[in-house]
Amino acid sequence: MADLAIMMTGHVSVPLYANITDNSINQILEHSESKAIFIGKLDDYEEQKKGIPPSVKKISIDYYGIKEGELVSNWIANQTPLEVAASWKAEEMMTIMYTSGTTGKPKGVVFNAMAMEHASQIINEYLSRVKPLPPHPILFSYLPLCHIAERLITEVLGCNSGASISFVESLDSFAKDLSSVRPHLFFGVPRIWARFQKKISEKLPAKKLNLLLSIPIVNSIIRSTLRKKMGLSRSLLQVSGAAPMPLPLLEWFDRIGIPVNEIYGMTENSAISHGNQEERRLGTVGQVMYKVEAKFSEEGEILTRHPALMMGYYRESKMTEDVFTQDGFLKTGDMGTLDKDGFLTITGRMKDIFKTDKGKYVSPLPMELRLVKNENIGQVCVVGMGIPQPIALIVLSDTGKLKSKEEIKSSFSSSLAEVNETVEDYEKLKKAVIMKDDWTINNGLMTPTLKVKRNEVEKIHLPKYPNWYATEGTVVWE
């Protein structure tokens, strides 16, 4: 509500994550030159408020029990609603979205009014090609509202379609809330889909599920029941983005009658560049969306251009210059391949490629996607800087944590062998290293969209690579 109110009154909106640190709050408010801050539901306000500069006016949404500065309830009681919203010129700065992604310092991604309008057009065109939603659809919001995907689905699509929007009470009540709401559209990052699979597999192991699905008269009952249990009985379209979804996971959901469409984008291009549309090709992120142009650089980097691109990084002219080509294409930092029909497959990140001490360059993503097929692996990061061969840093899944060390050794040795059969000699994984702690948002090793912050993991563990590499055995513990 605050986000919409800010923009409808002609001001520039700067959304923040609810779990942001006081240092980051201070950095963003100072850098964005913000004049006021709306304070709502936060993870630890007593700590976070230390980051608010004295010059920034506090406006508290007292529904959440915070009563500092001016109160929104008083504003509402003492003022009449605006009858006419502010009008925006196409090139006017409308919002600044700070994103650190998987690398360090937050960058202020600036969008103008034209970008927001075109993003809306892309969403509408995509839905018309894939699965039109009914009038006044039901939507479910659970990701942080300052994330580009959630802003587009909840705010842009929600407002334009006259949707009824339900918000998750907490992550603990996610499954219950989703089952209660039964949205017409569900967007989930890959880890959410993996959790769905895990919960189902606990009740229906693979062998039993495959048997039931093979019986024609039972197949439709099982599929319908699973949809209902997941809260997707009314869902017309399931979408995944923000990170690559492993092909076996996509195929698994297809088998149970819940097809998931992968889409591709990043904050800087409004998170909408490619998508599986009229035709789905599993393992690809689909074809270019409405009015999107895409091509590759000589190095194989994906470049995109369309009216919903950012204007640039706020107060970072050199950084902005570096991220655009001379003809206005955005350098995504991702690598990919294109098939003859224009379906894009993401093969890795330019910055994720590392050089072993043999002088060979390795792209970790393809190996990571194969490794996560193992149910005992929760998170994985393939690394290899300064050692002869790559190694896999692994955080055990909940399932893996219940296994004995011998079971884990056997399981991971098999997984490494399977991966090593598919790669070049210089890419072969030397060993798996089991991490003692999870990688989480709170300890700074995951982004809010549940992607591993590779650079932060490397900062902590890089000095240990040689010792792990020299340790006897294929599977070692930190």
Foldseek 3Di string as FASTA:
>chain_A
DVLVVQLQQPHAAEDDFQADFLQLLLVVCVQVVAAEDEDERHDCCVGNVNNDDPRYAYEYDCVRVDDPGHYPVVVPVPDDDDPGTDDFDQPDWHYWYWDQQLHDDTWTFTFGPLLLVVLLVLVCQQCVQAPPDDQQWEEEDEFGCSFLVNCCVCPSVCVVRVHHYDYDPHPVCVQVVLLVRQTQEEEAAQLVLVVLVVVVCVVAPPVRVVVQCVDVVRLVVQLCVSCNSRSNNNHPAAEYEPDDHQLVSQVVCVSSPHHYKYAADHVQQSRHFAIQGNHDDGQFRHAGTDQKDWDADPVQFIWIDGSNGTPATRPCVVRRVVQADPVGTGGPQWGWDADPVHTIHTQAGVVLWEAAPVRDTDGCVVLQSLLVVQQQFSHWRWDHHHHQEIAIETETDPVNVVDDPVVVQVSVVVSLVVSQVPDDPSHRHQAYEYEPDDQDVVVPQADSSGDGSNVVVCVVCVVVVVVVSPDDGRYYYD
